[in-house]
Amino acid sequence: MEKRRQALRTPRAAGLAGIVFALLLAAAIVLIRLAMPGEPGDESSEWLTDSSRRRTVQTALNLIPFAGIFFLWFMGAVRARIGKAEDQFIATVFLGSGLIFVATLFGAAAAAGSLLVMAGSSGPGSGPAPGSFGQHFTYSLLTTYSMRMAAVFTFSTSSIGHRLGVLPRWLAALGGLVTLVLLLMSGSVAWSELAFPLWALVVSIHILVAGSRARPTPSVPS
């Protein structure tokens, strides 16, 4: 009976954690894109001298740690649902890409936070070089490295989920499409980073709905 209760709690935990992660990460990406609209090669640092934009970036940075926490919870709950049936090779890629994604995401947040501190201490009269370098560094971590690891995580999760029957065929195909978008378009097409939290949201809702449909069969007393 306890194992049955655990089997019911696991998809619920994975679904809820994934939904919260997707919403937090999507909100952070939108806020950063609105406050820092320039591309990585853009020399503009107007967002550092605009107090409203700095507050927007700071709000996004405050969301990222919580997004990372819920993503780790989402990973753990999904892995617990897979259980001993997971393939060790794909599971290693799944775990490694997820951890590197969180590390690079936190690194991008740390870089942007450092820029805010420098802008506040140096004032608006300082040169644009530190801001330009920091913006390029932040975008590189977020769009090039973090989203590439997100693509690997998406592909490995879709492969494991489809192989074990946890994810339907259409959702595995969606994961493949999101993987291609993150690998080929992230960093060159604006807002393409939103494909990852949107995919996580769809997967989490599916896991939550599928878990709620699985009702335990009442035990017949002997």
C-alpha atoms as a PDB file:
ATOM      1  CA  MET A   1       0.000   0.000   0.000  1.00  0.00           C
ATOM      2  CA  GLU A   2       2.837   2.399   0.811  1.00  0.00           C
ATOM      3  CA  LYS A   3       4.494   1.697  -2.539  1.00  0.00           C
ATOM      4  CA  ARG A   4       1.204   2.386  -4.285  1.00  0.00           C
ATOM      5  CA  ARG A   5       0.854   5.714  -2.503  1.00  0.00           C
ATOM      6  CA  GLN A   6       4.429   6.610  -3.457  1.00  0.00           C
ATOM      7  CA  ALA A   7       3.694   5.745  -7.093  1.00  0.00           C
ATOM      8  CA  LEU A   8       0.781   8.163  -7.012  1.00  0.00           C
ATOM      9  CA  ARG A   9       2.729  10.942  -5.283  1.00  0.00           C
ATOM     10  CA  THR A  10       5.693  10.827  -7.676  1.00  0.00           C
ATOM     11  CA  PRO A  11       3.931  11.982 -10.876  1.00  0.00           C
ATOM     12  CA  ARG A  12       2.093  14.619  -8.890  1.00  0.00           C
ATOM     13  CA  ALA A  13       5.389  15.953  -7.500  1.00  0.00           C
ATOM     14  CA  ALA A  14       7.027  15.873 -10.938  1.00  0.00           C
ATOM     15  CA  GLY A  15       4.092  17.647 -12.532  1.00  0.00           C
ATOM     16  CA  LEU A  16       3.794  20.398  -9.937  1.00  0.00           C
ATOM     17  CA  ALA A  17       7.552  21.010  -9.773  1.00  0.00           C
ATOM     18  CA  GLY A  18       7.811  21.121 -13.553  1.00  0.00           C
ATOM     19  CA  ILE A  19       4.940  23.585 -13.869  1.00  0.00           C
ATOM     20  CA  VAL A  20       6.415  25.941 -11.274  1.00  0.00           C
ATOM     21  CA  PHE A  21       9.863  25.676 -12.899  1.00  0.00           C
ATOM     22  CA  ALA A  22       8.464  26.383 -16.377  1.00  0.00           C
ATOM     23  CA  LEU A  23       6.530  29.441 -15.216  1.00  0.00           C
ATOM     24  CA  LEU A  24       9.465  30.872 -13.252  1.00  0.00           C
ATOM     25  CA  LEU A  25      12.010  30.328 -16.029  1.00  0.00           C
ATOM     26  CA  ALA A  26       9.676  31.703 -18.714  1.00  0.00           C
ATOM     27  CA  ALA A  27       9.023  34.796 -16.603  1.00  0.00           C
ATOM     28  CA  ALA A  28      12.775  35.302 -16.039  1.00  0.00           C
ATOM     29  CA  ILE A  29      13.566  34.944 -19.766  1.00  0.00           C
ATOM     30  CA  VAL A  30      10.802  37.375 -20.742  1.00  0.00           C
ATOM     31  CA  LEU A  31      11.956  39.954 -18.185  1.00  0.00           C
ATOM     32  CA  ILE A  32      15.590  39.686 -19.285  1.00  0.00           C
ATOM     33  CA  ARG A  33      14.672  39.931 -22.970  1.00  0.00           C
ATOM     34  CA  LEU A  34      12.535  43.011 -22.302  1.00  0.00           C
ATOM     35  CA  ALA A  35      15.188  44.723 -20.215  1.00  0.00           C
ATOM     36  CA  MET A  36      18.156  43.687 -22.399  1.00  0.00           C
ATOM     37  CA  PRO A  37      16.709  43.678 -25.937  1.00  0.00           C
ATOM     38  CA  GLY A  38      20.087  43.895 -27.680  1.00  0.00           C
ATOM     39  CA  GLU A  39      21.726  40.820 -29.152  1.00  0.00           C
ATOM     40  CA  PRO A  40      24.995  39.452 -27.733  1.00  0.00           C
ATOM     41  CA  GLY A  41      27.088  41.472 -30.160  1.00  0.00           C
ATOM     42  CA  ASP A  42      25.290  44.740 -29.469  1.00  0.00           C
ATOM     43  CA  GLU A  43      27.455  47.370 -27.817  1.00  0.00           C
ATOM     44  CA  SER A  44      24.523  49.160 -26.229  1.00  0.00           C
ATOM     45  CA  SER A  45      24.459  49.262 -22.432  1.00  0.00           C
ATOM     46  CA  GLU A  46      21.433  51.492 -21.986  1.00  0.00           C
ATOM     47  CA  TRP A  47      19.817  48.984 -19.653  1.00  0.00           C
ATOM     48  CA  LEU A  48      22.582  49.633 -17.104  1.00  0.00           C
ATOM     49  CA  THR A  49      21.795  53.337 -16.955  1.00  0.00           C
ATOM     50  CA  ASP A  50      18.014  52.888 -16.914  1.00  0.00           C
ATOM     51  CA  SER A  51      16.788  52.309 -13.357  1.00  0.00           C
ATOM     52  CA  SER A  52      13.526  50.674 -14.463  1.00  0.00           C
ATOM     53  CA  ARG A  53      15.409  48.192 -16.671  1.00  0.00           C
ATOM     54  CA  ARG A  54      17.824  47.406 -13.858  1.00  0.00           C
ATOM     55  CA  ARG A  55      14.903  46.663 -11.567  1.00  0.00           C
ATOM     56  CA  THR A  56      13.418  44.387 -14.232  1.00  0.00           C
ATOM     57  CA  VAL A  57      16.671  42.460 -14.529  1.00  0.00           C
ATOM     58  CA  GLN A  58      16.949  42.222 -10.756  1.00  0.00           C
ATOM     59  CA  THR A  59      13.436  40.775 -10.575  1.00  0.00           C
ATOM     60  CA  ALA A  60      14.388  38.161 -13.151  1.00  0.00           C
ATOM     61  CA  LEU A  61      17.538  37.291 -11.227  1.00  0.00           C
ATOM     62  CA  ASN A  62      15.501  36.790  -8.062  1.00  0.00           C
ATOM     63  CA  LEU A  63      13.345  34.228  -9.886  1.00  0.00           C
ATOM     64  CA  ILE A  64      16.202  32.147 -11.319  1.00  0.00           C
ATOM     65  CA  PRO A  65      17.370  30.473  -8.053  1.00  0.00           C
ATOM     66  CA  PHE A  66      13.837  29.269  -7.357  1.00  0.00           C
ATOM     67  CA  ALA A  67      13.513  28.071 -10.953  1.00  0.00           C
ATOM     68  CA  GLY A  68      16.707  26.043 -10.490  1.00  0.00           C
ATOM     69  CA  ILE A  69      15.458  24.535  -7.235  1.00  0.00           C
ATOM     70  CA  PHE A  70      12.169  23.425  -8.770  1.00  0.00           C
ATOM     71  CA  PHE A  71      14.018  22.090 -11.823  1.00  0.00           C
ATOM     72  CA  LEU A  72      16.155  19.861  -9.584  1.00  0.00           C
ATOM     73  CA  TRP A  73      13.001  18.674  -7.841  1.00  0.00           C
ATOM     74  CA  PHE A  74      11.442  18.019 -11.244  1.00  0.00           C
ATOM     75  CA  MET A  75      14.494  15.971 -12.276  1.00  0.00           C
ATOM     76  CA  GLY A  76      14.419  13.928  -9.089  1.00  0.00           C
ATOM     77  CA  ALA A  77      10.707  13.207  -9.317  1.00  0.00           C
ATOM     78  CA  VAL A  78      10.942  12.178 -12.976  1.00  0.00           C
ATOM     79  CA  ARG A  79      13.894   9.903 -12.250  1.00  0.00           C
ATOM     80  CA  ALA A  80      12.052   8.334  -9.326  1.00  0.00           C
ATOM     81  CA  ARG A  81       9.083   7.677 -11.613  1.00  0.00           C
ATOM     82  CA  ILE A  82      11.346   5.991 -14.163  1.00  0.00           C
ATOM     83  CA  GLY A  83      12.872   3.829 -11.467  1.00  0.00           C
ATOM     84  CA  LYS A  84      15.145   0.877 -12.139  1.00  0.00           C
ATOM     85  CA  ALA A  85      13.971   0.533 -15.739  1.00  0.00           C
ATOM     86  CA  GLU A  86      16.083   3.512 -16.881  1.00  0.00           C
ATOM     87  CA  ASP A  87      18.899   2.992 -19.347  1.00  0.00           C
ATOM     88  CA  GLN A  88      22.176   3.843 -17.618  1.00  0.00           C
ATOM     89  CA  PHE A  89      23.689   5.647 -20.628  1.00  0.00           C
ATOM     90  CA  ILE A  90      20.676   7.859 -21.317  1.00  0.00           C
ATOM     91  CA  ALA A  91      20.125   8.361 -17.597  1.00  0.00           C
ATOM     92  CA  THR A  92      23.693   9.643 -17.247  1.00  0.00           C
ATOM     93  CA  VAL A  93      23.140  12.103 -20.099  1.00  0.00           C
ATOM     94  CA  PHE A  94      19.802  13.092 -18.541  1.00  0.00           C
ATOM     95  CA  LEU A  95      21.336  13.751 -15.135  1.00  0.00           C
ATOM     96  CA  GLY A  96      24.514  15.415 -16.414  1.00  0.00           C
ATOM     97  CA  SER A  97      22.757  17.760 -18.840  1.00  0.00           C
ATOM     98  CA  GLY A  98      20.249  18.787 -16.181  1.00  0.00           C
ATOM     99  CA  LEU A  99      22.955  19.627 -13.640  1.00  0.00           C
ATOM    100  CA  ILE A 100      25.047  21.538 -16.193  1.00  0.00           C
ATOM    101  CA  PHE A 101      21.938  23.432 -17.275  1.00  0.00           C
ATOM    102  CA  VAL A 102      21.336  24.601 -13.708  1.00  0.00           C
ATOM    103  CA  ALA A 103      25.020  25.511 -13.284  1.00  0.00           C
ATOM    104  CA  THR A 104      25.139  27.613 -16.463  1.00  0.00           C
ATOM    105  CA  LEU A 105      21.792  29.195 -15.643  1.00  0.00           C
ATOM    106  CA  PHE A 106      23.118  30.252 -12.250  1.00  0.00           C
ATOM    107  CA  GLY A 107      26.329  31.454 -13.909  1.00  0.00           C
ATOM    108  CA  ALA A 108      24.373  33.690 -16.278  1.00  0.00           C
ATOM    109  CA  ALA A 109      22.410  35.072 -13.333  1.00  0.00           C
ATOM    110  CA  ALA A 110      25.647  35.730 -11.412  1.00  0.00           C
ATOM    111  CA  ALA A 111      27.130  37.559 -14.407  1.00  0.00           C
ATOM    112  CA  ALA A 112      24.071  39.773 -14.793  1.00  0.00           C
ATOM    113  CA  GLY A 113      23.989  40.412 -11.047  1.00  0.00           C
ATOM    114  CA  SER A 114      27.632  41.471 -11.106  1.00  0.00           C
ATOM    115  CA  LEU A 115      26.825  43.970 -13.857  1.00  0.00           C
ATOM    116  CA  LEU A 116      24.083  45.475 -11.728  1.00  0.00           C
ATOM    117  CA  VAL A 117      26.454  45.884  -8.787  1.00  0.00           C
ATOM    118  CA  MET A 118      29.126  47.478 -11.008  1.00  0.00           C
ATOM    119  CA  ALA A 119      26.595  49.845 -12.572  1.00  0.00           C
ATOM    120  CA  GLY A 120      25.335  50.910  -9.170  1.00  0.00           C
ATOM    121  CA  SER A 121      28.822  51.564  -7.787  1.00  0.00           C
ATOM    122  CA  SER A 122      30.439  53.214 -10.839  1.00  0.00           C
ATOM    123  CA  GLY A 123      27.530  55.455 -11.845  1.00  0.00           C
ATOM    124  CA  PRO A 124      26.269  56.447 -15.276  1.00  0.00           C
ATOM    125  CA  GLY A 125      29.482  58.197 -16.313  1.00  0.00           C
ATOM    126  CA  SER A 126      31.531  55.028 -16.682  1.00  0.00           C
ATOM    127  CA  GLY A 127      32.462  53.662 -20.080  1.00  0.00           C
ATOM    128  CA  PRO A 128      30.332  51.073 -21.895  1.00  0.00           C
ATOM    129  CA  ALA A 129      33.053  48.425 -22.201  1.00  0.00           C
ATOM    130  CA  PRO A 130      32.303  46.521 -18.937  1.00  0.00           C
ATOM    131  CA  GLY A 131      28.580  46.572 -19.688  1.00  0.00           C
ATOM    132  CA  SER A 132      29.109  45.354 -23.240  1.00  0.00           C
ATOM    133  CA  PHE A 133      31.374  42.527 -22.092  1.00  0.00           C
ATOM    134  CA  GLY A 134      29.006  41.545 -19.308  1.00  0.00           C
ATOM    135  CA  GLN A 135      25.968  41.555 -21.588  1.00  0.00           C
ATOM    136  CA  HIS A 136      27.792  39.403 -24.132  1.00  0.00           C
ATOM    137  CA  PHE A 137      28.945  37.030 -21.371  1.00  0.00           C
ATOM    138  CA  THR A 138      25.446  36.763 -19.914  1.00  0.00           C
ATOM    139  CA  TYR A 139      23.829  36.085 -23.273  1.00  0.00           C
ATOM    140  CA  SER A 140      26.508  33.516 -24.153  1.00  0.00           C
ATOM    141  CA  LEU A 141      25.893  31.568 -20.952  1.00  0.00           C
ATOM    142  CA  LEU A 142      22.119  31.787 -21.287  1.00  0.00           C
ATOM    143  CA  THR A 143      21.595  31.215 -25.020  1.00  0.00           C
ATOM    144  CA  THR A 144      24.660  29.220 -26.085  1.00  0.00           C
ATOM    145  CA  TYR A 145      25.635  26.988 -23.177  1.00  0.00           C
ATOM    146  CA  SER A 146      22.560  26.794 -20.943  1.00  0.00           C
ATOM    147  CA  MET A 147      20.099  26.237 -23.792  1.00  0.00           C
ATOM    148  CA  ARG A 148      22.370  23.650 -25.440  1.00  0.00           C
ATOM    149  CA  MET A 149      22.328  21.644 -22.226  1.00  0.00           C
ATOM    150  CA  ALA A 150      18.573  22.156 -22.071  1.00  0.00           C
ATOM    151  CA  ALA A 151      18.389  20.646 -25.573  1.00  0.00           C
ATOM    152  CA  VAL A 152      20.310  17.554 -24.432  1.00  0.00           C
ATOM    153  CA  PHE A 153      18.062  17.273 -21.377  1.00  0.00           C
ATOM    154  CA  THR A 154      14.951  17.572 -23.547  1.00  0.00           C
ATOM    155  CA  PHE A 155      16.155  14.884 -25.938  1.00  0.00           C
ATOM    156  CA  SER A 156      17.195  12.441 -23.202  1.00  0.00           C
ATOM    157  CA  THR A 157      13.963  12.949 -21.261  1.00  0.00           C
ATOM    158  CA  SER A 158      11.856  12.453 -24.391  1.00  0.00           C
ATOM    159  CA  SER A 159      13.811   9.316 -25.301  1.00  0.00           C
ATOM    160  CA  ILE A 160      13.480   7.776 -21.845  1.00  0.00           C
ATOM    161  CA  GLY A 161       9.826   8.762 -21.494  1.00  0.00           C
ATOM    162  CA  HIS A 162       8.832   7.379 -24.896  1.00  0.00           C
ATOM    163  CA  ARG A 163      10.829   4.164 -24.477  1.00  0.00           C
ATOM    164  CA  LEU A 164       9.209   3.389 -21.130  1.00  0.00           C
ATOM    165  CA  GLY A 165       5.737   4.515 -22.187  1.00  0.00           C
ATOM    166  CA  VAL A 166       5.657   7.457 -19.794  1.00  0.00           C
ATOM    167  CA  LEU A 167       5.344   9.989 -22.635  1.00  0.00           C
ATOM    168  CA  PRO A 168       3.129   9.513 -25.714  1.00  0.00           C
ATOM    169  CA  ARG A 169       4.522   9.580 -29.223  1.00  0.00           C
ATOM    170  CA  TRP A 170       3.357  13.124 -29.960  1.00  0.00           C
ATOM    171  CA  LEU A 171       5.030  14.468 -26.843  1.00  0.00           C
ATOM    172  CA  ALA A 172       8.275  12.672 -27.692  1.00  0.00           C
ATOM    173  CA  ALA A 173       8.098  14.204 -31.185  1.00  0.00           C
ATOM    174  CA  LEU A 174       7.548  17.614 -29.619  1.00  0.00           C
ATOM    175  CA  GLY A 175      10.651  17.040 -27.516  1.00  0.00           C
ATOM    176  CA  GLY A 176      12.645  16.287 -30.664  1.00  0.00           C
ATOM    177  CA  LEU A 177      11.412  19.491 -32.284  1.00  0.00           C
ATOM    178  CA  VAL A 178      12.274  21.555 -29.204  1.00  0.00           C
ATOM    179  CA  THR A 179      15.716  19.933 -29.168  1.00  0.00           C
ATOM    180  CA  LEU A 180      16.365  21.094 -32.740  1.00  0.00           C
ATOM    181  CA  VAL A 181      15.118  24.599 -31.942  1.00  0.00           C
ATOM    182  CA  LEU A 182      17.395  24.919 -28.916  1.00  0.00           C
ATOM    183  CA  LEU A 183      20.402  23.472 -30.730  1.00  0.00           C
ATOM    184  CA  LEU A 184      20.103  25.384 -34.006  1.00  0.00           C
ATOM    185  CA  MET A 185      18.181  28.573 -33.245  1.00  0.00           C
ATOM    186  CA  SER A 186      19.029  29.545 -29.671  1.00  0.00           C
ATOM    187  CA  GLY A 187      21.413  32.491 -29.698  1.00  0.00           C
ATOM    188  CA  SER A 188      20.498  33.559 -33.222  1.00  0.00           C
ATOM    189  CA  VAL A 189      16.690  33.804 -33.041  1.00  0.00           C
ATOM    190  CA  ALA A 190      15.297  35.997 -30.272  1.00  0.00           C
ATOM    191  CA  TRP A 191      12.880  34.437 -27.798  1.00  0.00           C
ATOM    192  CA  SER A 192      13.683  30.894 -28.965  1.00  0.00           C
ATOM    193  CA  GLU A 193      14.799  30.127 -25.388  1.00  0.00           C
ATOM    194  CA  LEU A 194      11.134  30.056 -24.393  1.00  0.00           C
ATOM    195  CA  ALA A 195      10.781  26.728 -26.197  1.00  0.00           C
ATOM    196  CA  PHE A 196      12.366  24.930 -23.236  1.00  0.00           C
ATOM    197  CA  PRO A 197      10.075  26.181 -20.428  1.00  0.00           C
ATOM    198  CA  LEU A 198       7.061  25.733 -22.705  1.00  0.00           C
ATOM    199  CA  TRP A 199       8.088  22.124 -23.356  1.00  0.00           C
ATOM    200  CA  ALA A 200       8.616  21.548 -19.626  1.00  0.00           C
ATOM    201  CA  LEU A 201       5.163  23.006 -18.968  1.00  0.00           C
ATOM    202  CA  VAL A 202       3.485  20.664 -21.478  1.00  0.00           C
ATOM    203  CA  VAL A 203       5.354  17.622 -20.129  1.00  0.00           C
ATOM    204  CA  SER A 204       4.535  18.527 -16.532  1.00  0.00           C
ATOM    205  CA  ILE A 205       0.841  19.000 -17.276  1.00  0.00           C
ATOM    206  CA  HIS A 206       0.772  15.644 -19.076  1.00  0.00           C
ATOM    207  CA  ILE A 207       2.478  13.876 -16.147  1.00  0.00           C
ATOM    208  CA  LEU A 208       0.112  15.538 -13.685  1.00  0.00           C
ATOM    209  CA  VAL A 209      -2.996  14.630 -15.679  1.00  0.00           C
ATOM    210  CA  ALA A 210      -1.801  11.077 -16.377  1.00  0.00           C
ATOM    211  CA  GLY A 211      -0.996  10.600 -12.694  1.00  0.00           C
ATOM    212  CA  SER A 212      -4.429  11.832 -11.593  1.00  0.00           C
ATOM    213  CA  ARG A 213      -6.096   9.353 -13.954  1.00  0.00           C
ATOM    214  CA  ALA A 214      -4.216   6.431 -12.413  1.00  0.00           C
ATOM    215  CA  ARG A 215      -6.462   5.551  -9.494  1.00  0.00           C
ATOM    216  CA  PRO A 216      -5.518   2.759  -7.137  1.00  0.00           C
ATOM    217  CA  THR A 217      -7.736  -0.271  -7.384  1.00  0.00           C
ATOM    218  CA  PRO A 218      -9.486  -0.817  -4.073  1.00  0.00           C
ATOM    219  CA  SER A 219      -8.204  -3.842  -2.220  1.00  0.00           C
ATOM    220  CA  VAL A 220     -10.784  -6.504  -1.579  1.00  0.00           C
ATOM    221  CA  PRO A 221     -10.621  -7.776   1.966  1.00  0.00           C
ATOM    222  CA  SER A 222     -10.039 -11.489   2.167  1.00  0.00           C
END
